[in-house]
């Protein structure tokens, strides 16, 4: 199966799992006796981000920290720490090492799967405890606003017509989500490849695109929305088989829902990314229940609802056995995608 086909089927798999879990946000917590939910942190909670500053995970984690503090949702402070070394391996290994310490949590993205598969680092998602899926994040194909390409099809045609590797695609990290999507795009460029340029975070990618050091990016919406609002970037298509649901104007004349899907534009590629919360191994049910409840409170705030719309997130959320099952299927999906792209580490 081609990488393009795998990417397309990947989203269907993720969406199917997600739809089965709609409405199950509080399932795990409600199944735990009330007495077992009485645990709460007794010291500051370290909230790890396995990525650099300015990217989607960093923005979401810091936004959650702000909501928890503003609404006094827990007695102890939440301390956000970036540990993005080794494509996020630094952060994952830190939580793994924390073992049963319930005062360490981590926000995850798809490097939960891609980093161990690509690097061989001694870590697997099973070394952590799934707590809560917060949302699924979208990807958008971006170009500078003054680029001559008005549609994704026009851009792909330009890549087809140009010399091999003459177009630079910027993304976060190597052999991760952004590069996986780039490889999938190369299946529709008539054999022409991009020069993929990796950066430390999505915020840097957006800045580099504005500066025209690269020709395009596949950033998450939240990572480039400020540059879009400022008129510096243009979205060509969203990597989903359905348009965004958000109809509020982001710019003077466009809303997220006005961005066509890549499939609509004749570019048959789609992909969505996990945004979720995990704890270390050995977490107890009452500790998990505390963080599930905490995240439910965060997601019930008007600030979170605006954050979701501003970043054009897919608001699928789940916890408990449903979330664990989703993660298991997503790992297999990423393995297949990375195998097709020849991104697996030796022995994987």
C-alpha atoms as a PDB file:
ATOM      1  CA  UNK A   1       0.000   0.000   0.000  1.00  0.00           C
ATOM      2  CA  UNK A   2       1.304   3.484  -0.840  1.00  0.00           C
ATOM      3  CA  UNK A   3       2.078   6.050   1.858  1.00  0.00           C
ATOM      4  CA  UNK A   4      -0.753   8.168   0.449  1.00  0.00           C
ATOM      5  CA  UNK A   5      -3.241   5.380   0.842  1.00  0.00           C
ATOM      6  CA  UNK A   6      -1.939   4.614   4.300  1.00  0.00           C
ATOM      7  CA  UNK A   7      -2.242   8.255   5.365  1.00  0.00           C
ATOM      8  CA  UNK A   8      -5.837   8.337   4.082  1.00  0.00           C
ATOM      9  CA  UNK A   9      -6.754   5.102   5.800  1.00  0.00           C
ATOM     10  CA  UNK A  10      -4.991   6.299   8.938  1.00  0.00           C
ATOM     11  CA  UNK A  11      -7.396   9.166   9.430  1.00  0.00           C
ATOM     12  CA  UNK A  12     -10.376   6.872   8.873  1.00  0.00           C
ATOM     13  CA  UNK A  13      -8.995   4.513  11.524  1.00  0.00           C
ATOM     14  CA  UNK A  14      -8.396   7.326  13.992  1.00  0.00           C
ATOM     15  CA  UNK A  15     -11.796   8.905  13.285  1.00  0.00           C
ATOM     16  CA  UNK A  16     -13.603   5.571  13.659  1.00  0.00           C
ATOM     17  CA  UNK A  17     -11.989   5.011  17.013  1.00  0.00           C
ATOM     18  CA  UNK A  18     -12.799   8.572  17.984  1.00  0.00           C
ATOM     19  CA  UNK A  19     -16.480   8.360  17.017  1.00  0.00           C
ATOM     20  CA  UNK A  20     -16.913   5.224  19.071  1.00  0.00           C
ATOM     21  CA  UNK A  21     -15.672   7.163  22.065  1.00  0.00           C
ATOM     22  CA  UNK A  22     -17.706  10.363  21.673  1.00  0.00           C
ATOM     23  CA  UNK A  23     -19.550  10.995  24.920  1.00  0.00           C
ATOM     24  CA  UNK A  24     -17.179   8.858  26.959  1.00  0.00           C
ATOM     25  CA  UNK A  25     -15.168  11.735  28.420  1.00  0.00           C
ATOM     26  CA  UNK A  26     -16.031  10.957  32.006  1.00  0.00           C
ATOM     27  CA  UNK A  27     -16.459   7.213  31.691  1.00  0.00           C
ATOM     28  CA  UNK A  28     -13.302   6.182  33.503  1.00  0.00           C
ATOM     29  CA  UNK A  29     -13.772   8.656  36.330  1.00  0.00           C
ATOM     30  CA  UNK A  30     -17.430   7.754  36.852  1.00  0.00           C
ATOM     31  CA  UNK A  31     -16.555   4.086  37.086  1.00  0.00           C
ATOM     32  CA  UNK A  32     -14.297   4.735  40.091  1.00  0.00           C
ATOM     33  CA  UNK A  33     -15.985   4.852  43.523  1.00  0.00           C
ATOM     34  CA  UNK A  34     -16.310   8.353  44.964  1.00  0.00           C
ATOM     35  CA  UNK A  35     -13.989   7.499  47.866  1.00  0.00           C
ATOM     36  CA  UNK A  36     -11.270   6.535  45.395  1.00  0.00           C
ATOM     37  CA  UNK A  37     -11.403   9.975  43.792  1.00  0.00           C
ATOM     38  CA  UNK A  38     -10.296  11.802  46.931  1.00  0.00           C
ATOM     39  CA  UNK A  39      -6.587  11.941  46.020  1.00  0.00           C
ATOM     40  CA  UNK A  40      -5.085  15.278  45.063  1.00  0.00           C
ATOM     41  CA  UNK A  41      -1.510  16.534  44.561  1.00  0.00           C
ATOM     42  CA  UNK A  42       0.441  17.366  47.706  1.00  0.00           C
ATOM     43  CA  UNK A  43       3.254  19.243  45.917  1.00  0.00           C
ATOM     44  CA  UNK A  44       3.695  21.165  42.647  1.00  0.00           C
ATOM     45  CA  UNK A  45       2.827  19.172  39.513  1.00  0.00           C
ATOM     46  CA  UNK A  46       5.467  19.073  36.802  1.00  0.00           C
ATOM     47  CA  UNK A  47       3.816  19.308  33.384  1.00  0.00           C
ATOM     48  CA  UNK A  48       6.299  18.113  30.746  1.00  0.00           C
ATOM     49  CA  UNK A  49       6.222  19.113  27.091  1.00  0.00           C
ATOM     50  CA  UNK A  50       8.215  16.692  24.882  1.00  0.00           C
ATOM     51  CA  UNK A  51       8.808  19.427  22.288  1.00  0.00           C
ATOM     52  CA  UNK A  52      10.298  22.892  21.884  1.00  0.00           C
ATOM     53  CA  UNK A  53       8.769  26.240  22.710  1.00  0.00           C
ATOM     54  CA  UNK A  54       6.217  27.905  20.461  1.00  0.00           C
ATOM     55  CA  UNK A  55       4.778  24.731  18.938  1.00  0.00           C
ATOM     56  CA  UNK A  56       1.282  23.326  19.296  1.00  0.00           C
ATOM     57  CA  UNK A  57       2.029  21.136  22.327  1.00  0.00           C
ATOM     58  CA  UNK A  58       3.821  23.983  24.088  1.00  0.00           C
ATOM     59  CA  UNK A  59       0.959  26.393  23.465  1.00  0.00           C
ATOM     60  CA  UNK A  60      -1.676  23.920  24.642  1.00  0.00           C
ATOM     61  CA  UNK A  61       0.190  22.936  27.811  1.00  0.00           C
ATOM     62  CA  UNK A  62       0.800  26.548  28.796  1.00  0.00           C
ATOM     63  CA  UNK A  63      -2.819  27.398  28.045  1.00  0.00           C
ATOM     64  CA  UNK A  64      -3.973  24.562  30.331  1.00  0.00           C
ATOM     65  CA  UNK A  65      -1.623  25.816  33.038  1.00  0.00           C
ATOM     66  CA  UNK A  66      -3.152  29.279  32.698  1.00  0.00           C
ATOM     67  CA  UNK A  67      -6.727  27.979  32.996  1.00  0.00           C
ATOM     68  CA  UNK A  68      -5.884  25.832  36.032  1.00  0.00           C
ATOM     69  CA  UNK A  69      -4.294  28.818  37.731  1.00  0.00           C
ATOM     70  CA  UNK A  70      -6.977  31.348  36.749  1.00  0.00           C
ATOM     71  CA  UNK A  71      -9.860  29.194  37.957  1.00  0.00           C
ATOM     72  CA  UNK A  72      -7.990  27.666  40.940  1.00  0.00           C
ATOM     73  CA  UNK A  73      -8.777  24.172  39.691  1.00  0.00           C
ATOM     74  CA  UNK A  74      -6.229  22.562  41.998  1.00  0.00           C
ATOM     75  CA  UNK A  75      -4.487  23.630  45.191  1.00  0.00           C
ATOM     76  CA  UNK A  76      -0.920  22.990  44.056  1.00  0.00           C
ATOM     77  CA  UNK A  77       0.765  24.943  41.249  1.00  0.00           C
ATOM     78  CA  UNK A  78       1.408  23.424  37.827  1.00  0.00           C
ATOM     79  CA  UNK A  79       4.953  23.945  36.519  1.00  0.00           C
ATOM     80  CA  UNK A  80       5.432  23.619  32.753  1.00  0.00           C
ATOM     81  CA  UNK A  81       8.801  22.309  31.572  1.00  0.00           C
ATOM     82  CA  UNK A  82      10.002  21.815  27.978  1.00  0.00           C
ATOM     83  CA  UNK A  83      12.035  18.641  27.437  1.00  0.00           C
ATOM     84  CA  UNK A  84      12.164  18.307  23.666  1.00  0.00           C
ATOM     85  CA  UNK A  85      15.622  16.803  23.242  1.00  0.00           C
ATOM     86  CA  UNK A  86      15.893  13.741  21.011  1.00  0.00           C
ATOM     87  CA  UNK A  87      12.591  14.487  19.252  1.00  0.00           C
ATOM     88  CA  UNK A  88      10.821  14.383  22.602  1.00  0.00           C
ATOM     89  CA  UNK A  89      12.643  11.313  23.950  1.00  0.00           C
ATOM     90  CA  UNK A  90      14.028  13.441  26.798  1.00  0.00           C
ATOM     91  CA  UNK A  91      10.534  14.188  28.044  1.00  0.00           C
ATOM     92  CA  UNK A  92       9.165  10.679  27.636  1.00  0.00           C
ATOM     93  CA  UNK A  93      12.126   9.113  29.430  1.00  0.00           C
ATOM     94  CA  UNK A  94      11.736  11.648  32.252  1.00  0.00           C
ATOM     95  CA  UNK A  95       8.137  10.559  32.843  1.00  0.00           C
ATOM     96  CA  UNK A  96       9.081   6.894  32.528  1.00  0.00           C
ATOM     97  CA  UNK A  97      11.765   7.459  35.159  1.00  0.00           C
ATOM     98  CA  UNK A  98       9.257   9.214  37.424  1.00  0.00           C
ATOM     99  CA  UNK A  99       7.548   5.816  37.701  1.00  0.00           C
ATOM    100  CA  UNK A 100       4.689   5.980  40.196  1.00  0.00           C
ATOM    101  CA  UNK A 101       5.155   9.672  41.064  1.00  0.00           C
ATOM    102  CA  UNK A 102       1.685  11.167  40.467  1.00  0.00           C
ATOM    103  CA  UNK A 103       3.097  14.706  40.465  1.00  0.00           C
ATOM    104  CA  UNK A 104       4.494  14.394  36.939  1.00  0.00           C
ATOM    105  CA  UNK A 105       2.294  14.459  33.833  1.00  0.00           C
ATOM    106  CA  UNK A 106       3.081  14.923  30.151  1.00  0.00           C
ATOM    107  CA  UNK A 107       1.233  16.281  27.136  1.00  0.00           C
ATOM    108  CA  UNK A 108       1.687  14.028  24.126  1.00  0.00           C
ATOM    109  CA  UNK A 109       1.600  14.390  20.393  1.00  0.00           C
ATOM    110  CA  UNK A 110       2.304  11.828  17.726  1.00  0.00           C
ATOM    111  CA  UNK A 111       5.996  11.722  18.654  1.00  0.00           C
ATOM    112  CA  UNK A 112       4.699   9.379  21.336  1.00  0.00           C
ATOM    113  CA  UNK A 113       4.830   6.848  18.483  1.00  0.00           C
ATOM    114  CA  UNK A 114       7.243   8.308  15.931  1.00  0.00           C
ATOM    115  CA  UNK A 115      10.190   8.984  18.246  1.00  0.00           C
ATOM    116  CA  UNK A 116      10.727   5.417  19.527  1.00  0.00           C
ATOM    117  CA  UNK A 117      10.007   3.969  16.078  1.00  0.00           C
ATOM    118  CA  UNK A 118      12.489   6.278  14.337  1.00  0.00           C
ATOM    119  CA  UNK A 119      15.253   6.383  16.925  1.00  0.00           C
ATOM    120  CA  UNK A 120      15.115   3.074  18.757  1.00  0.00           C
ATOM    121  CA  UNK A 121      15.159   4.926  22.095  1.00  0.00           C
ATOM    122  CA  UNK A 122      14.196   2.549  24.953  1.00  0.00           C
ATOM    123  CA  UNK A 123      10.682   3.833  25.324  1.00  0.00           C
ATOM    124  CA  UNK A 124       7.167   2.836  24.276  1.00  0.00           C
ATOM    125  CA  UNK A 125       3.817   4.401  25.056  1.00  0.00           C
ATOM    126  CA  UNK A 126       3.104   1.356  27.234  1.00  0.00           C
ATOM    127  CA  UNK A 127       5.744   2.752  29.620  1.00  0.00           C
ATOM    128  CA  UNK A 128       3.221   5.498  30.418  1.00  0.00           C
ATOM    129  CA  UNK A 129      -0.363   5.581  31.677  1.00  0.00           C
ATOM    130  CA  UNK A 130      -2.999   7.060  29.317  1.00  0.00           C
ATOM    131  CA  UNK A 131      -5.139   9.655  31.086  1.00  0.00           C
ATOM    132  CA  UNK A 132      -7.091  11.891  28.714  1.00  0.00           C
ATOM    133  CA  UNK A 133      -7.294  12.658  25.002  1.00  0.00           C
ATOM    134  CA  UNK A 134      -7.803  16.413  24.833  1.00  0.00           C
ATOM    135  CA  UNK A 135      -8.345  16.805  21.081  1.00  0.00           C
ATOM    136  CA  UNK A 136      -7.041  15.852  17.660  1.00  0.00           C
ATOM    137  CA  UNK A 137      -4.929  18.475  15.946  1.00  0.00           C
ATOM    138  CA  UNK A 138      -5.145  19.335  12.273  1.00  0.00           C
ATOM    139  CA  UNK A 139      -2.430  20.073   9.722  1.00  0.00           C
ATOM    140  CA  UNK A 140      -2.561  22.788   7.074  1.00  0.00           C
ATOM    141  CA  UNK A 141      -0.428  23.305   3.976  1.00  0.00           C
ATOM    142  CA  UNK A 142       0.885  26.888   4.268  1.00  0.00           C
ATOM    143  CA  UNK A 143       2.754  29.167   1.844  1.00  0.00           C
ATOM    144  CA  UNK A 144       3.754  32.850   2.066  1.00  0.00           C
ATOM    145  CA  UNK A 145       0.805  35.118   1.298  1.00  0.00           C
ATOM    146  CA  UNK A 146       2.503  36.580  -1.767  1.00  0.00           C
ATOM    147  CA  UNK A 147       3.348  33.190  -3.262  1.00  0.00           C
ATOM    148  CA  UNK A 148       1.828  32.742  -6.727  1.00  0.00           C
ATOM    149  CA  UNK A 149      -0.052  29.593  -5.677  1.00  0.00           C
ATOM    150  CA  UNK A 150      -3.718  30.115  -4.793  1.00  0.00           C
ATOM    151  CA  UNK A 151      -4.579  26.421  -4.375  1.00  0.00           C
ATOM    152  CA  UNK A 152      -2.858  23.267  -3.230  1.00  0.00           C
ATOM    153  CA  UNK A 153      -3.168  21.863  -6.731  1.00  0.00           C
ATOM    154  CA  UNK A 154      -1.321  24.859  -8.178  1.00  0.00           C
ATOM    155  CA  UNK A 155       1.465  24.405  -5.663  1.00  0.00           C
ATOM    156  CA  UNK A 156       1.812  20.694  -6.331  1.00  0.00           C
ATOM    157  CA  UNK A 157       1.876  21.400 -10.085  1.00  0.00           C
ATOM    158  CA  UNK A 158       4.719  23.866  -9.508  1.00  0.00           C
ATOM    159  CA  UNK A 159       6.640  21.224  -7.572  1.00  0.00           C
ATOM    160  CA  UNK A 160       6.047  18.767 -10.400  1.00  0.00           C
ATOM    161  CA  UNK A 161       7.364  21.247 -12.962  1.00  0.00           C
ATOM    162  CA  UNK A 162      10.444  22.312 -11.007  1.00  0.00           C
ATOM    163  CA  UNK A 163      13.810  20.600 -10.549  1.00  0.00           C
ATOM    164  CA  UNK A 164      13.891  17.768  -8.024  1.00  0.00           C
ATOM    165  CA  UNK A 165      14.292  18.989  -4.416  1.00  0.00           C
ATOM    166  CA  UNK A 166      14.061  22.642  -5.477  1.00  0.00           C
ATOM    167  CA  UNK A 167      11.092  23.314  -3.168  1.00  0.00           C
ATOM    168  CA  UNK A 168      11.782  23.446   0.570  1.00  0.00           C
ATOM    169  CA  UNK A 169       9.214  22.084   3.013  1.00  0.00           C
ATOM    170  CA  UNK A 170       9.659  23.119   6.648  1.00  0.00           C
ATOM    171  CA  UNK A 171       8.506  20.986   9.542  1.00  0.00           C
ATOM    172  CA  UNK A 172       9.047  20.132  13.191  1.00  0.00           C
ATOM    173  CA  UNK A 173      11.723  17.464  13.678  1.00  0.00           C
ATOM    174  CA  UNK A 174      12.841  14.596  11.466  1.00  0.00           C
ATOM    175  CA  UNK A 175      10.942  11.380  10.782  1.00  0.00           C
ATOM    176  CA  UNK A 176       7.955  12.773  12.656  1.00  0.00           C
ATOM    177  CA  UNK A 177       4.458  13.879  11.632  1.00  0.00           C
ATOM    178  CA  UNK A 178       5.485  16.787   9.403  1.00  0.00           C
ATOM    179  CA  UNK A 179       7.988  14.742   7.447  1.00  0.00           C
ATOM    180  CA  UNK A 180       5.592  11.794   7.188  1.00  0.00           C
ATOM    181  CA  UNK A 181       3.054  14.124   5.552  1.00  0.00           C
ATOM    182  CA  UNK A 182       5.781  15.538   3.299  1.00  0.00           C
ATOM    183  CA  UNK A 183       6.669  12.047   2.104  1.00  0.00           C
ATOM    184  CA  UNK A 184       2.995  11.396   1.425  1.00  0.00           C
ATOM    185  CA  UNK A 185       2.805  14.593  -0.646  1.00  0.00           C
ATOM    186  CA  UNK A 186       5.714  13.334  -2.721  1.00  0.00           C
ATOM    187  CA  UNK A 187       3.450  10.531  -3.915  1.00  0.00           C
ATOM    188  CA  UNK A 188       1.419  13.133  -5.834  1.00  0.00           C
ATOM    189  CA  UNK A 189       4.297  15.247  -7.185  1.00  0.00           C
ATOM    190  CA  UNK A 190       5.168  12.993 -10.089  1.00  0.00           C
ATOM    191  CA  UNK A 191       8.283  11.655  -8.412  1.00  0.00           C
ATOM    192  CA  UNK A 192       9.660  15.081  -7.468  1.00  0.00           C
ATOM    193  CA  UNK A 193      10.869  15.337  -3.883  1.00  0.00           C
ATOM    194  CA  UNK A 194      10.924  18.241  -1.473  1.00  0.00           C
ATOM    195  CA  UNK A 195      13.985  19.320   0.438  1.00  0.00           C
ATOM    196  CA  UNK A 196      12.664  18.771   3.942  1.00  0.00           C
ATOM    197  CA  UNK A 197      14.034  21.268   6.485  1.00  0.00           C
ATOM    198  CA  UNK A 198      13.535  20.270  10.156  1.00  0.00           C
ATOM    199  CA  UNK A 199      13.181  22.838  12.935  1.00  0.00           C
ATOM    200  CA  UNK A 200      12.836  22.590  16.700  1.00  0.00           C
ATOM    201  CA  UNK A 201       9.198  23.674  16.903  1.00  0.00           C
ATOM    202  CA  UNK A 202       6.166  24.812  14.950  1.00  0.00           C
ATOM    203  CA  UNK A 203       6.614  28.423  16.004  1.00  0.00           C
ATOM    204  CA  UNK A 204      10.058  28.492  14.400  1.00  0.00           C
ATOM    205  CA  UNK A 205       8.680  26.857  11.262  1.00  0.00           C
ATOM    206  CA  UNK A 206       6.093  29.622  10.858  1.00  0.00           C
ATOM    207  CA  UNK A 207       8.743  32.334  11.300  1.00  0.00           C
ATOM    208  CA  UNK A 208      11.002  30.671   8.745  1.00  0.00           C
ATOM    209  CA  UNK A 209       8.147  30.481   6.247  1.00  0.00           C
ATOM    210  CA  UNK A 210       7.304  34.152   6.722  1.00  0.00           C
ATOM    211  CA  UNK A 211      10.986  34.904   6.095  1.00  0.00           C
ATOM    212  CA  UNK A 212      10.822  32.758   2.926  1.00  0.00           C
ATOM    213  CA  UNK A 213      13.673  30.525   4.008  1.00  0.00           C
ATOM    214  CA  UNK A 214      11.347  27.684   3.006  1.00  0.00           C
ATOM    215  CA  UNK A 215       8.612  27.505   0.354  1.00  0.00           C
ATOM    216  CA  UNK A 216       5.902  25.808   2.413  1.00  0.00           C
ATOM    217  CA  UNK A 217       5.086  24.105   5.699  1.00  0.00           C
ATOM    218  CA  UNK A 218       2.550  21.634   7.091  1.00  0.00           C
ATOM    219  CA  UNK A 219       2.129  23.370  10.438  1.00  0.00           C
ATOM    220  CA  UNK A 220      -0.783  22.895  12.816  1.00  0.00           C
ATOM    221  CA  UNK A 221      -3.366  25.698  12.640  1.00  0.00           C
ATOM    222  CA  UNK A 222      -2.445  27.143  16.038  1.00  0.00           C
ATOM    223  CA  UNK A 223       1.230  27.325  15.056  1.00  0.00           C
ATOM    224  CA  UNK A 224       0.630  29.660  12.118  1.00  0.00           C
ATOM    225  CA  UNK A 225      -2.670  31.403  12.857  1.00  0.00           C
ATOM    226  CA  UNK A 226      -1.047  34.641  14.059  1.00  0.00           C
ATOM    227  CA  UNK A 227       0.948  34.908  10.824  1.00  0.00           C
ATOM    228  CA  UNK A 228      -2.232  34.179   8.845  1.00  0.00           C
ATOM    229  CA  UNK A 229      -4.101  36.905  10.720  1.00  0.00           C
ATOM    230  CA  UNK A 230      -1.231  39.295  10.020  1.00  0.00           C
ATOM    231  CA  UNK A 231      -1.506  38.581   6.302  1.00  0.00           C
ATOM    232  CA  UNK A 232       1.920  36.951   6.044  1.00  0.00           C
ATOM    233  CA  UNK A 233       0.824  33.369   5.310  1.00  0.00           C
ATOM    234  CA  UNK A 234      -1.820  31.721   3.131  1.00  0.00           C
ATOM    235  CA  UNK A 235      -3.475  28.355   3.919  1.00  0.00           C
ATOM    236  CA  UNK A 236      -3.883  26.201   0.806  1.00  0.00           C
ATOM    237  CA  UNK A 237      -5.637  23.136   2.242  1.00  0.00           C
ATOM    238  CA  UNK A 238      -6.346  21.211   5.428  1.00  0.00           C
ATOM    239  CA  UNK A 239      -5.216  17.573   5.715  1.00  0.00           C
ATOM    240  CA  UNK A 240      -8.603  16.115   6.582  1.00  0.00           C
ATOM    241  CA  UNK A 241     -11.411  14.607   4.517  1.00  0.00           C
ATOM    242  CA  UNK A 242     -13.862  17.147   5.966  1.00  0.00           C
ATOM    243  CA  UNK A 243     -13.570  20.890   6.312  1.00  0.00           C
ATOM    244  CA  UNK A 244     -13.204  22.498   9.714  1.00  0.00           C
ATOM    245  CA  UNK A 245     -16.461  23.185  11.575  1.00  0.00           C
ATOM    246  CA  UNK A 246     -15.419  26.676  12.699  1.00  0.00           C
ATOM    247  CA  UNK A 247     -17.205  29.473  10.828  1.00  0.00           C
ATOM    248  CA  UNK A 248     -16.004  32.572  12.675  1.00  0.00           C
ATOM    249  CA  UNK A 249     -13.801  34.836  10.557  1.00  0.00           C
ATOM    250  CA  UNK A 250     -10.090  34.537  11.313  1.00  0.00           C
ATOM    251  CA  UNK A 251      -9.059  37.083   8.709  1.00  0.00           C
ATOM    252  CA  UNK A 252     -11.191  39.779   7.088  1.00  0.00           C
ATOM    253  CA  UNK A 253     -12.570  37.342   4.526  1.00  0.00           C
ATOM    254  CA  UNK A 254     -11.787  33.774   5.662  1.00  0.00           C
ATOM    255  CA  UNK A 255     -12.786  31.356   8.416  1.00  0.00           C
ATOM    256  CA  UNK A 256     -11.222  27.959   9.120  1.00  0.00           C
ATOM    257  CA  UNK A 257     -14.160  26.337   7.342  1.00  0.00           C
ATOM    258  CA  UNK A 258     -13.276  28.273   4.171  1.00  0.00           C
ATOM    259  CA  UNK A 259     -10.018  26.343   3.823  1.00  0.00           C
ATOM    260  CA  UNK A 260     -10.668  23.463   1.412  1.00  0.00           C
ATOM    261  CA  UNK A 261      -9.578  19.965   2.247  1.00  0.00           C
ATOM    262  CA  UNK A 262      -6.507  18.750   0.414  1.00  0.00           C
ATOM    263  CA  UNK A 263      -8.687  16.082  -1.193  1.00  0.00           C
ATOM    264  CA  UNK A 264     -10.996  18.787  -2.552  1.00  0.00           C
ATOM    265  CA  UNK A 265      -7.915  20.351  -4.095  1.00  0.00           C
ATOM    266  CA  UNK A 266      -6.866  17.136  -5.810  1.00  0.00           C
ATOM    267  CA  UNK A 267      -4.190  16.299  -3.216  1.00  0.00           C
ATOM    268  CA  UNK A 268      -5.323  13.022  -1.684  1.00  0.00           C
ATOM    269  CA  UNK A 269      -3.491  13.180   1.668  1.00  0.00           C
ATOM    270  CA  UNK A 270      -4.847  13.560   5.205  1.00  0.00           C
ATOM    271  CA  UNK A 271      -3.568  13.184   8.756  1.00  0.00           C
ATOM    272  CA  UNK A 272      -4.497  14.238  12.310  1.00  0.00           C
ATOM    273  CA  UNK A 273      -2.408  14.317  15.477  1.00  0.00           C
ATOM    274  CA  UNK A 274      -3.008  13.362  19.089  1.00  0.00           C
ATOM    275  CA  UNK A 275      -3.080  15.903  21.890  1.00  0.00           C
ATOM    276  CA  UNK A 276      -3.360  13.937  25.126  1.00  0.00           C
ATOM    277  CA  UNK A 277      -2.289  13.644  28.759  1.00  0.00           C
ATOM    278  CA  UNK A 278      -0.313  10.726  30.186  1.00  0.00           C
ATOM    279  CA  UNK A 279       1.205   9.870  33.564  1.00  0.00           C
ATOM    280  CA  UNK A 280       4.104   7.642  34.478  1.00  0.00           C
ATOM    281  CA  UNK A 281       3.823   3.881  34.951  1.00  0.00           C
ATOM    282  CA  UNK A 282       2.221   2.693  38.149  1.00  0.00           C
ATOM    283  CA  UNK A 283      -0.326   5.491  38.402  1.00  0.00           C
ATOM    284  CA  UNK A 284      -3.167   4.562  40.753  1.00  0.00           C
ATOM    285  CA  UNK A 285      -6.860   4.758  39.751  1.00  0.00           C
ATOM    286  CA  UNK A 286      -7.603   7.606  42.142  1.00  0.00           C
ATOM    287  CA  UNK A 287      -4.654   9.602  40.776  1.00  0.00           C
ATOM    288  CA  UNK A 288      -5.760   9.057  37.190  1.00  0.00           C
ATOM    289  CA  UNK A 289      -9.288  10.047  38.190  1.00  0.00           C
ATOM    290  CA  UNK A 290      -8.004  13.339  39.618  1.00  0.00           C
ATOM    291  CA  UNK A 291      -6.356  14.361  36.343  1.00  0.00           C
ATOM    292  CA  UNK A 292      -9.301  13.179  34.230  1.00  0.00           C
ATOM    293  CA  UNK A 293     -11.562  15.351  36.366  1.00  0.00           C
ATOM    294  CA  UNK A 294      -9.100  18.248  36.188  1.00  0.00           C
ATOM    295  CA  UNK A 295      -8.974  18.122  32.395  1.00  0.00           C
ATOM    296  CA  UNK A 296     -12.790  17.875  32.211  1.00  0.00           C
ATOM    297  CA  UNK A 297     -12.969  21.072  34.230  1.00  0.00           C
ATOM    298  CA  UNK A 298     -10.447  22.739  31.915  1.00  0.00           C
ATOM    299  CA  UNK A 299     -12.394  21.649  28.821  1.00  0.00           C
ATOM    300  CA  UNK A 300     -15.639  22.988  30.283  1.00  0.00           C
ATOM    301  CA  UNK A 301     -14.353  26.560  30.456  1.00  0.00           C
ATOM    302  CA  UNK A 302     -15.249  29.185  27.835  1.00  0.00           C
ATOM    303  CA  UNK A 303     -11.546  29.900  27.421  1.00  0.00           C
ATOM    304  CA  UNK A 304     -10.928  26.320  26.282  1.00  0.00           C
ATOM    305  CA  UNK A 305     -13.812  26.434  23.813  1.00  0.00           C
ATOM    306  CA  UNK A 306     -12.331  29.600  22.289  1.00  0.00           C
ATOM    307  CA  UNK A 307      -8.873  28.009  22.235  1.00  0.00           C
ATOM    308  CA  UNK A 308     -10.302  25.044  20.333  1.00  0.00           C
ATOM    309  CA  UNK A 309     -11.888  27.324  17.748  1.00  0.00           C
ATOM    310  CA  UNK A 310      -8.869  29.595  17.412  1.00  0.00           C
ATOM    311  CA  UNK A 311      -6.692  26.542  16.711  1.00  0.00           C
ATOM    312  CA  UNK A 312      -9.287  24.735  14.555  1.00  0.00           C
ATOM    313  CA  UNK A 313      -9.035  21.586  16.671  1.00  0.00           C
ATOM    314  CA  UNK A 314     -11.115  18.450  16.228  1.00  0.00           C
ATOM    315  CA  UNK A 315     -12.705  18.300  19.695  1.00  0.00           C
ATOM    316  CA  UNK A 316     -12.783  14.521  20.030  1.00  0.00           C
ATOM    317  CA  UNK A 317     -11.899  13.538  23.594  1.00  0.00           C
ATOM    318  CA  UNK A 318     -11.842  10.287  25.557  1.00  0.00           C
ATOM    319  CA  UNK A 319     -10.380   8.595  28.612  1.00  0.00           C
ATOM    320  CA  UNK A 320     -10.174   5.185  30.245  1.00  0.00           C
ATOM    321  CA  UNK A 321     -10.250   1.955  28.225  1.00  0.00           C
ATOM    322  CA  UNK A 322     -11.440   3.796  25.100  1.00  0.00           C
ATOM    323  CA  UNK A 323      -8.393   6.053  25.096  1.00  0.00           C
ATOM    324  CA  UNK A 324      -6.031   3.128  25.642  1.00  0.00           C
ATOM    325  CA  UNK A 325      -7.619   1.246  22.744  1.00  0.00           C
ATOM    326  CA  UNK A 326      -7.294   4.322  20.504  1.00  0.00           C
ATOM    327  CA  UNK A 327      -3.594   4.633  21.376  1.00  0.00           C
ATOM    328  CA  UNK A 328      -2.967   0.967  20.578  1.00  0.00           C
ATOM    329  CA  UNK A 329      -4.513   1.374  17.119  1.00  0.00           C
ATOM    330  CA  UNK A 330      -2.701   4.654  16.494  1.00  0.00           C
ATOM    331  CA  UNK A 331       0.665   3.038  17.241  1.00  0.00           C
ATOM    332  CA  UNK A 332       0.006   0.377  14.596  1.00  0.00           C
ATOM    333  CA  UNK A 333      -1.049   3.059  12.108  1.00  0.00           C
ATOM    334  CA  UNK A 334       2.167   5.022  12.656  1.00  0.00           C
ATOM    335  CA  UNK A 335       4.266   1.886  12.368  1.00  0.00           C
ATOM    336  CA  UNK A 336       2.756   1.155   8.965  1.00  0.00           C
ATOM    337  CA  UNK A 337       3.197   4.750   7.780  1.00  0.00           C
ATOM    338  CA  UNK A 338       6.811   4.942   8.912  1.00  0.00           C
ATOM    339  CA  UNK A 339       7.645   1.566   7.452  1.00  0.00           C
ATOM    340  CA  UNK A 340       6.307   2.713   4.074  1.00  0.00           C
ATOM    341  CA  UNK A 341       8.431   5.885   4.344  1.00  0.00           C
ATOM    342  CA  UNK A 342      11.553   3.890   5.381  1.00  0.00           C
ATOM    343  CA  UNK A 343      11.728   5.853   8.652  1.00  0.00           C
ATOM    344  CA  UNK A 344      11.977   2.912  11.065  1.00  0.00           C
ATOM    345  CA  UNK A 345      15.117   2.457  13.136  1.00  0.00           C
ATOM    346  CA  UNK A 346      17.164  -0.681  12.598  1.00  0.00           C
ATOM    347  CA  UNK A 347      15.507  -3.669  14.212  1.00  0.00           C
ATOM    348  CA  UNK A 348      12.033  -2.109  14.267  1.00  0.00           C
END
